[in-house]
Amino acid sequence: MDFFRPHKTVPHTPWTAASRWDLSPLRVFILLGGLFIFGIGDALLIQGNIGNAPWSVFAQGLSHRLDITMGWSTFGISALVLLAWIPLREKPGFGTISNILVIAIAIQIGVTYIPVQHNYFLGIIYSLVGVAAVGIASSLYITCGLGPGPRDGLMTAIHHRSGVRVGRVRLAIESTVVLFGALLGGNVGLGTLIFAACIGQSVAISLGVVSRLTAK
């Protein structure tokens, strides 16, 4: 069980970049693969039909109101969040731009081809598998070191500028997007709570596995 012990920091791996634009074939492959898995994990929560991840609650609500797909809605929100980096003087990396494109595409593929569940038990299974997938995906793309996604970058930038703890900043941001998403008609439910309660541990365990697999 030590193999699955959570890791509290981001490990240095053979594919970790020296800078946000330090590209190599292996690094880009791992980054894009991780982001694609992330989007599919998010789509599993959506198609589980018992409550989306916080940002997908907002994206789904917006997609209903604007009559656009989940992919376009996710892309648009990510692009707008990236614009919020400008006054915070945060700089994007290759991973940041890739995050905007790949996750939106993967979510759209997921919601197109993964069947919607109407069985509540299967919805819970979808949600748990989705959280696990997002945790694994996060451990892959974070360890590439090519820059945070728009949402994570916004969170850490506000933390650095305000001094407010990261956990509190994340809670404030995600509570706000869930509220607005719910008002717009996004799906909030048990799946949302499962994601909120389990995603931190899922990422930590996945980072621990990556650390042990790459340890010399």
C-alpha atoms as a PDB file:
ATOM      1  CA  MET A   1       0.000   0.000   0.000  1.00  0.00           C
ATOM      2  CA  ASP A   2       3.035   2.302   0.343  1.00  0.00           C
ATOM      3  CA  PHE A   3       3.068   2.462  -3.456  1.00  0.00           C
ATOM      4  CA  PHE A   4      -0.210   4.411  -3.330  1.00  0.00           C
ATOM      5  CA  ARG A   5       0.789   6.693  -0.468  1.00  0.00           C
ATOM      6  CA  PRO A   6      -0.216  10.312  -1.285  1.00  0.00           C
ATOM      7  CA  HIS A   7       2.521  12.736  -2.271  1.00  0.00           C
ATOM      8  CA  LYS A   8       2.419  16.282  -0.846  1.00  0.00           C
ATOM      9  CA  THR A   9       4.671  17.934  -3.432  1.00  0.00           C
ATOM     10  CA  VAL A  10       5.086  17.796  -7.201  1.00  0.00           C
ATOM     11  CA  PRO A  11       7.901  15.313  -7.925  1.00  0.00           C
ATOM     12  CA  HIS A  12      10.684  15.964 -10.401  1.00  0.00           C
ATOM     13  CA  THR A  13      10.474  13.426 -13.224  1.00  0.00           C
ATOM     14  CA  PRO A  14      12.583  12.595 -16.298  1.00  0.00           C
ATOM     15  CA  TRP A  15      10.082  14.603 -18.368  1.00  0.00           C
ATOM     16  CA  THR A  16       9.894  17.702 -16.123  1.00  0.00           C
ATOM     17  CA  ALA A  17      10.730  20.828 -18.149  1.00  0.00           C
ATOM     18  CA  ALA A  18      13.302  23.452 -17.232  1.00  0.00           C
ATOM     19  CA  SER A  19      10.903  26.208 -18.341  1.00  0.00           C
ATOM     20  CA  ARG A  20       7.322  26.631 -19.552  1.00  0.00           C
ATOM     21  CA  TRP A  21       8.405  26.488 -23.200  1.00  0.00           C
ATOM     22  CA  ASP A  22      11.061  23.774 -22.879  1.00  0.00           C
ATOM     23  CA  LEU A  23       9.567  21.252 -25.304  1.00  0.00           C
ATOM     24  CA  SER A  24      10.574  17.716 -26.207  1.00  0.00           C
ATOM     25  CA  PRO A  25       8.622  14.931 -28.002  1.00  0.00           C
ATOM     26  CA  LEU A  26       8.237  12.848 -24.812  1.00  0.00           C
ATOM     27  CA  ARG A  27       7.234  15.834 -22.695  1.00  0.00           C
ATOM     28  CA  VAL A  28       4.646  17.055 -25.203  1.00  0.00           C
ATOM     29  CA  PHE A  29       3.256  13.514 -25.604  1.00  0.00           C
ATOM     30  CA  ILE A  30       2.816  13.107 -21.836  1.00  0.00           C
ATOM     31  CA  LEU A  31       1.313  16.590 -21.527  1.00  0.00           C
ATOM     32  CA  LEU A  32      -1.223  16.113 -24.318  1.00  0.00           C
ATOM     33  CA  GLY A  33      -2.072  12.599 -23.155  1.00  0.00           C
ATOM     34  CA  GLY A  34      -2.638  13.831 -19.613  1.00  0.00           C
ATOM     35  CA  LEU A  35      -4.843  16.699 -20.761  1.00  0.00           C
ATOM     36  CA  PHE A  36      -6.899  14.389 -22.961  1.00  0.00           C
ATOM     37  CA  ILE A  37      -7.452  11.963 -20.067  1.00  0.00           C
ATOM     38  CA  PHE A  38      -8.422  14.965 -17.911  1.00  0.00           C
ATOM     39  CA  GLY A  39     -11.113  15.964 -20.397  1.00  0.00           C
ATOM     40  CA  ILE A  40     -12.468  12.410 -20.621  1.00  0.00           C
ATOM     41  CA  GLY A  41     -12.573  12.236 -16.810  1.00  0.00           C
ATOM     42  CA  ASP A  42     -14.543  15.465 -16.740  1.00  0.00           C
ATOM     43  CA  ALA A  43     -16.881  14.081 -19.413  1.00  0.00           C
ATOM     44  CA  LEU A  44     -17.481  10.960 -17.297  1.00  0.00           C
ATOM     45  CA  LEU A  45     -18.737  13.159 -14.464  1.00  0.00           C
ATOM     46  CA  ILE A  46     -20.993  15.032 -16.883  1.00  0.00           C
ATOM     47  CA  GLN A  47     -22.387  11.843 -18.435  1.00  0.00           C
ATOM     48  CA  GLY A  48     -22.804  10.236 -15.017  1.00  0.00           C
ATOM     49  CA  ASN A  49     -25.694  12.692 -14.750  1.00  0.00           C
ATOM     50  CA  ILE A  50     -25.593  13.080 -10.955  1.00  0.00           C
ATOM     51  CA  GLY A  51     -23.594  16.317 -10.779  1.00  0.00           C
ATOM     52  CA  ASN A  52     -20.657  17.785 -12.686  1.00  0.00           C
ATOM     53  CA  ALA A  53     -17.255  18.993 -11.550  1.00  0.00           C
ATOM     54  CA  PRO A  54     -17.501  22.686 -10.510  1.00  0.00           C
ATOM     55  CA  TRP A  55     -16.220  24.307 -13.714  1.00  0.00           C
ATOM     56  CA  SER A  56     -18.288  21.933 -15.835  1.00  0.00           C
ATOM     57  CA  VAL A  57     -21.412  22.978 -13.927  1.00  0.00           C
ATOM     58  CA  PHE A  58     -20.705  26.507 -15.168  1.00  0.00           C
ATOM     59  CA  ALA A  59     -19.774  25.358 -18.694  1.00  0.00           C
ATOM     60  CA  GLN A  60     -22.931  23.248 -18.977  1.00  0.00           C
ATOM     61  CA  GLY A  61     -25.161  26.056 -17.740  1.00  0.00           C
ATOM     62  CA  LEU A  62     -23.555  28.453 -20.206  1.00  0.00           C
ATOM     63  CA  SER A  63     -23.884  25.941 -23.042  1.00  0.00           C
ATOM     64  CA  HIS A  64     -27.625  25.660 -22.366  1.00  0.00           C
ATOM     65  CA  ARG A  65     -28.142  29.417 -22.306  1.00  0.00           C
ATOM     66  CA  LEU A  66     -26.039  30.145 -25.405  1.00  0.00           C
ATOM     67  CA  ASP A  67     -27.085  26.968 -27.261  1.00  0.00           C
ATOM     68  CA  ILE A  68     -23.487  25.889 -27.872  1.00  0.00           C
ATOM     69  CA  THR A  69     -21.684  22.588 -27.267  1.00  0.00           C
ATOM     70  CA  MET A  70     -19.872  21.714 -24.043  1.00  0.00           C
ATOM     71  CA  GLY A  71     -16.590  21.833 -25.936  1.00  0.00           C
ATOM     72  CA  TRP A  72     -17.093  25.399 -27.126  1.00  0.00           C
ATOM     73  CA  SER A  73     -18.407  26.491 -23.748  1.00  0.00           C
ATOM     74  CA  THR A  74     -15.383  25.006 -21.951  1.00  0.00           C
ATOM     75  CA  PHE A  75     -13.030  26.587 -24.495  1.00  0.00           C
ATOM     76  CA  GLY A  76     -14.656  30.017 -24.145  1.00  0.00           C
ATOM     77  CA  ILE A  77     -14.546  29.973 -20.341  1.00  0.00           C
ATOM     78  CA  SER A  78     -10.890  28.899 -20.361  1.00  0.00           C
ATOM     79  CA  ALA A  79      -9.988  31.685 -22.788  1.00  0.00           C
ATOM     80  CA  LEU A  80     -11.781  34.295 -20.651  1.00  0.00           C
ATOM     81  CA  VAL A  81     -10.079  33.031 -17.485  1.00  0.00           C
ATOM     82  CA  LEU A  82      -6.741  33.342 -19.264  1.00  0.00           C
ATOM     83  CA  LEU A  83      -7.515  37.012 -19.960  1.00  0.00           C
ATOM     84  CA  ALA A  84      -7.877  37.477 -16.184  1.00  0.00           C
ATOM     85  CA  TRP A  85      -4.174  36.582 -15.906  1.00  0.00           C
ATOM     86  CA  ILE A  86      -3.206  39.895 -17.540  1.00  0.00           C
ATOM     87  CA  PRO A  87      -3.840  42.209 -14.541  1.00  0.00           C
ATOM     88  CA  LEU A  88      -2.348  39.528 -12.270  1.00  0.00           C
ATOM     89  CA  ARG A  89       0.834  39.512 -14.423  1.00  0.00           C
ATOM     90  CA  GLU A  90       0.831  35.748 -14.758  1.00  0.00           C
ATOM     91  CA  LYS A  91       2.595  34.297 -17.821  1.00  0.00           C
ATOM     92  CA  PRO A  92       1.205  31.302 -19.747  1.00  0.00           C
ATOM     93  CA  GLY A  93       3.255  28.382 -20.996  1.00  0.00           C
ATOM     94  CA  PHE A  94       2.842  25.753 -23.680  1.00  0.00           C
ATOM     95  CA  GLY A  95       0.893  23.678 -21.169  1.00  0.00           C
ATOM     96  CA  THR A  96      -1.502  26.561 -20.527  1.00  0.00           C
ATOM     97  CA  ILE A  97      -2.423  26.955 -24.191  1.00  0.00           C
ATOM     98  CA  SER A  98      -2.621  23.183 -24.658  1.00  0.00           C
ATOM     99  CA  ASN A  99      -4.914  22.949 -21.634  1.00  0.00           C
ATOM    100  CA  ILE A 100      -7.435  25.302 -23.240  1.00  0.00           C
ATOM    101  CA  LEU A 101      -7.529  23.392 -26.531  1.00  0.00           C
ATOM    102  CA  VAL A 102      -7.107  19.734 -25.580  1.00  0.00           C
ATOM    103  CA  ILE A 103      -9.454  19.593 -22.590  1.00  0.00           C
ATOM    104  CA  ALA A 104     -12.247  21.297 -24.549  1.00  0.00           C
ATOM    105  CA  ILE A 105     -11.821  18.815 -27.415  1.00  0.00           C
ATOM    106  CA  ALA A 106     -11.665  15.811 -25.056  1.00  0.00           C
ATOM    107  CA  ILE A 107     -14.770  16.893 -23.150  1.00  0.00           C
ATOM    108  CA  GLN A 108     -16.697  17.267 -26.406  1.00  0.00           C
ATOM    109  CA  ILE A 109     -15.554  13.822 -27.580  1.00  0.00           C
ATOM    110  CA  GLY A 110     -16.515  12.376 -24.196  1.00  0.00           C
ATOM    111  CA  VAL A 111     -20.020  13.834 -24.055  1.00  0.00           C
ATOM    112  CA  THR A 112     -20.586  12.805 -27.684  1.00  0.00           C
ATOM    113  CA  TYR A 113     -19.563   9.157 -27.359  1.00  0.00           C
ATOM    114  CA  ILE A 114     -19.959   8.233 -23.667  1.00  0.00           C
ATOM    115  CA  PRO A 115     -23.621   7.376 -23.013  1.00  0.00           C
ATOM    116  CA  VAL A 116     -25.537   9.421 -20.444  1.00  0.00           C
ATOM    117  CA  GLN A 117     -26.420   7.373 -17.362  1.00  0.00           C
ATOM    118  CA  HIS A 118     -29.940   7.325 -15.922  1.00  0.00           C
ATOM    119  CA  ASN A 119     -29.110   4.674 -13.330  1.00  0.00           C
ATOM    120  CA  TYR A 120     -28.007   6.451 -10.134  1.00  0.00           C
ATOM    121  CA  PHE A 121     -25.616   3.683  -9.057  1.00  0.00           C
ATOM    122  CA  LEU A 122     -23.876   3.702 -12.437  1.00  0.00           C
ATOM    123  CA  GLY A 123     -23.781   7.491 -12.199  1.00  0.00           C
ATOM    124  CA  ILE A 124     -21.792   7.150  -8.962  1.00  0.00           C
ATOM    125  CA  ILE A 125     -19.406   4.711 -10.688  1.00  0.00           C
ATOM    126  CA  TYR A 126     -18.947   7.178 -13.558  1.00  0.00           C
ATOM    127  CA  SER A 127     -18.209   9.958 -11.079  1.00  0.00           C
ATOM    128  CA  LEU A 128     -15.641   7.929  -9.140  1.00  0.00           C
ATOM    129  CA  VAL A 129     -13.888   6.776 -12.317  1.00  0.00           C
ATOM    130  CA  GLY A 130     -13.966  10.363 -13.576  1.00  0.00           C
ATOM    131  CA  VAL A 131     -12.325  11.665 -10.403  1.00  0.00           C
ATOM    132  CA  ALA A 132      -9.661   8.943 -10.628  1.00  0.00           C
ATOM    133  CA  ALA A 133      -9.009   9.832 -14.288  1.00  0.00           C
ATOM    134  CA  VAL A 134      -8.702  13.547 -13.499  1.00  0.00           C
ATOM    135  CA  GLY A 135      -6.282  12.742 -10.656  1.00  0.00           C
ATOM    136  CA  ILE A 136      -4.085  10.580 -12.900  1.00  0.00           C
ATOM    137  CA  ALA A 137      -4.249  13.144 -15.697  1.00  0.00           C
ATOM    138  CA  SER A 138      -3.322  15.991 -13.343  1.00  0.00           C
ATOM    139  CA  SER A 139      -0.260  14.114 -12.104  1.00  0.00           C
ATOM    140  CA  LEU A 140       0.913  13.689 -15.702  1.00  0.00           C
ATOM    141  CA  TYR A 141       0.460  17.214 -16.994  1.00  0.00           C
ATOM    142  CA  ILE A 142       1.536  18.966 -13.781  1.00  0.00           C
ATOM    143  CA  THR A 143       4.843  17.072 -13.689  1.00  0.00           C
ATOM    144  CA  CYS A 144       5.601  18.259 -17.246  1.00  0.00           C
ATOM    145  CA  GLY A 145       6.215  21.736 -15.814  1.00  0.00           C
ATOM    146  CA  LEU A 146       4.985  23.511 -18.940  1.00  0.00           C
ATOM    147  CA  GLY A 147       2.675  25.910 -17.134  1.00  0.00           C
ATOM    148  CA  PRO A 148      -0.610  25.610 -15.224  1.00  0.00           C
ATOM    149  CA  GLY A 149      -4.034  25.530 -16.794  1.00  0.00           C
ATOM    150  CA  PRO A 150      -5.987  28.810 -16.876  1.00  0.00           C
ATOM    151  CA  ARG A 151      -8.002  27.982 -13.751  1.00  0.00           C
ATOM    152  CA  ASP A 152      -5.063  26.770 -11.667  1.00  0.00           C
ATOM    153  CA  GLY A 153      -3.001  29.742 -12.793  1.00  0.00           C
ATOM    154  CA  LEU A 154      -5.780  32.134 -11.742  1.00  0.00           C
ATOM    155  CA  MET A 155      -5.955  30.432  -8.340  1.00  0.00           C
ATOM    156  CA  THR A 156      -2.213  30.554  -7.663  1.00  0.00           C
ATOM    157  CA  ALA A 157      -1.872  34.113  -9.012  1.00  0.00           C
ATOM    158  CA  ILE A 158      -4.615  35.375  -6.681  1.00  0.00           C
ATOM    159  CA  HIS A 159      -2.916  33.494  -3.832  1.00  0.00           C
ATOM    160  CA  HIS A 160       0.450  35.124  -4.559  1.00  0.00           C
ATOM    161  CA  ARG A 161      -1.018  38.609  -4.964  1.00  0.00           C
ATOM    162  CA  SER A 162      -3.406  38.487  -1.985  1.00  0.00           C
ATOM    163  CA  GLY A 163      -1.625  36.224   0.479  1.00  0.00           C
ATOM    164  CA  VAL A 164      -4.850  34.270   1.004  1.00  0.00           C
ATOM    165  CA  ARG A 165      -4.210  30.526   1.323  1.00  0.00           C
ATOM    166  CA  VAL A 166      -4.560  28.495  -1.872  1.00  0.00           C
ATOM    167  CA  GLY A 167      -7.281  26.271  -0.417  1.00  0.00           C
ATOM    168  CA  ARG A 168      -9.433  29.253   0.459  1.00  0.00           C
ATOM    169  CA  VAL A 169      -8.906  30.874  -2.934  1.00  0.00           C
ATOM    170  CA  ARG A 170      -9.870  27.634  -4.676  1.00  0.00           C
ATOM    171  CA  LEU A 171     -12.944  27.236  -2.482  1.00  0.00           C
ATOM    172  CA  ALA A 172     -14.075  30.801  -3.234  1.00  0.00           C
ATOM    173  CA  ILE A 173     -13.559  30.466  -6.984  1.00  0.00           C
ATOM    174  CA  GLU A 174     -15.191  27.053  -7.323  1.00  0.00           C
ATOM    175  CA  SER A 175     -18.110  27.956  -5.056  1.00  0.00           C
ATOM    176  CA  THR A 176     -18.735  31.003  -7.235  1.00  0.00           C
ATOM    177  CA  VAL A 177     -18.657  29.080 -10.522  1.00  0.00           C
ATOM    178  CA  VAL A 178     -20.906  26.342  -9.106  1.00  0.00           C
ATOM    179  CA  LEU A 179     -23.412  28.965  -7.951  1.00  0.00           C
ATOM    180  CA  PHE A 180     -23.482  30.759 -11.298  1.00  0.00           C
ATOM    181  CA  GLY A 181     -23.515  27.446 -13.163  1.00  0.00           C
ATOM    182  CA  ALA A 182     -26.463  26.177 -11.130  1.00  0.00           C
ATOM    183  CA  LEU A 183     -28.370  29.394 -11.768  1.00  0.00           C
ATOM    184  CA  LEU A 184     -27.739  28.914 -15.500  1.00  0.00           C
ATOM    185  CA  GLY A 185     -29.015  25.334 -15.365  1.00  0.00           C
ATOM    186  CA  GLY A 186     -25.824  23.315 -14.881  1.00  0.00           C
ATOM    187  CA  ASN A 187     -26.091  19.946 -13.133  1.00  0.00           C
ATOM    188  CA  VAL A 188     -25.160  20.127  -9.434  1.00  0.00           C
ATOM    189  CA  GLY A 189     -25.501  17.024  -7.249  1.00  0.00           C
ATOM    190  CA  LEU A 190     -23.744  14.139  -5.590  1.00  0.00           C
ATOM    191  CA  GLY A 191     -21.181  13.958  -8.393  1.00  0.00           C
ATOM    192  CA  THR A 192     -20.178  17.543  -7.623  1.00  0.00           C
ATOM    193  CA  LEU A 193     -19.678  16.634  -3.952  1.00  0.00           C
ATOM    194  CA  ILE A 194     -17.743  13.483  -4.874  1.00  0.00           C
ATOM    195  CA  PHE A 195     -15.417  15.570  -7.024  1.00  0.00           C
ATOM    196  CA  ALA A 196     -14.924  18.239  -4.354  1.00  0.00           C
ATOM    197  CA  ALA A 197     -14.289  15.677  -1.611  1.00  0.00           C
ATOM    198  CA  CYS A 198     -12.040  13.289  -3.550  1.00  0.00           C
ATOM    199  CA  ILE A 199     -10.109  15.218  -6.197  1.00  0.00           C
ATOM    200  CA  GLY A 200      -7.368  16.427  -3.853  1.00  0.00           C
ATOM    201  CA  GLN A 201      -6.632  12.912  -2.628  1.00  0.00           C
ATOM    202  CA  SER A 202      -6.857  11.516  -6.158  1.00  0.00           C
ATOM    203  CA  VAL A 203      -4.197  13.961  -7.392  1.00  0.00           C
ATOM    204  CA  ALA A 204      -1.989  13.354  -4.338  1.00  0.00           C
ATOM    205  CA  ILE A 205      -2.122   9.563  -4.730  1.00  0.00           C
ATOM    206  CA  SER A 206      -1.404   9.838  -8.453  1.00  0.00           C
ATOM    207  CA  LEU A 207       1.587  12.111  -7.810  1.00  0.00           C
ATOM    208  CA  GLY A 208       2.841   9.547  -5.300  1.00  0.00           C
ATOM    209  CA  VAL A 209       2.602   6.760  -7.889  1.00  0.00           C
ATOM    210  CA  VAL A 210       4.406   8.884 -10.501  1.00  0.00           C
ATOM    211  CA  SER A 211       7.115   9.720  -7.956  1.00  0.00           C
ATOM    212  CA  ARG A 212       7.712   6.049  -7.106  1.00  0.00           C
ATOM    213  CA  LEU A 213       7.641   4.899 -10.732  1.00  0.00           C
ATOM    214  CA  THR A 214      10.235   7.492 -11.746  1.00  0.00           C
ATOM    215  CA  ALA A 215      12.443   7.290  -8.646  1.00  0.00           C
ATOM    216  CA  LYS A 216      16.017   6.232  -9.357  1.00  0.00           C
END
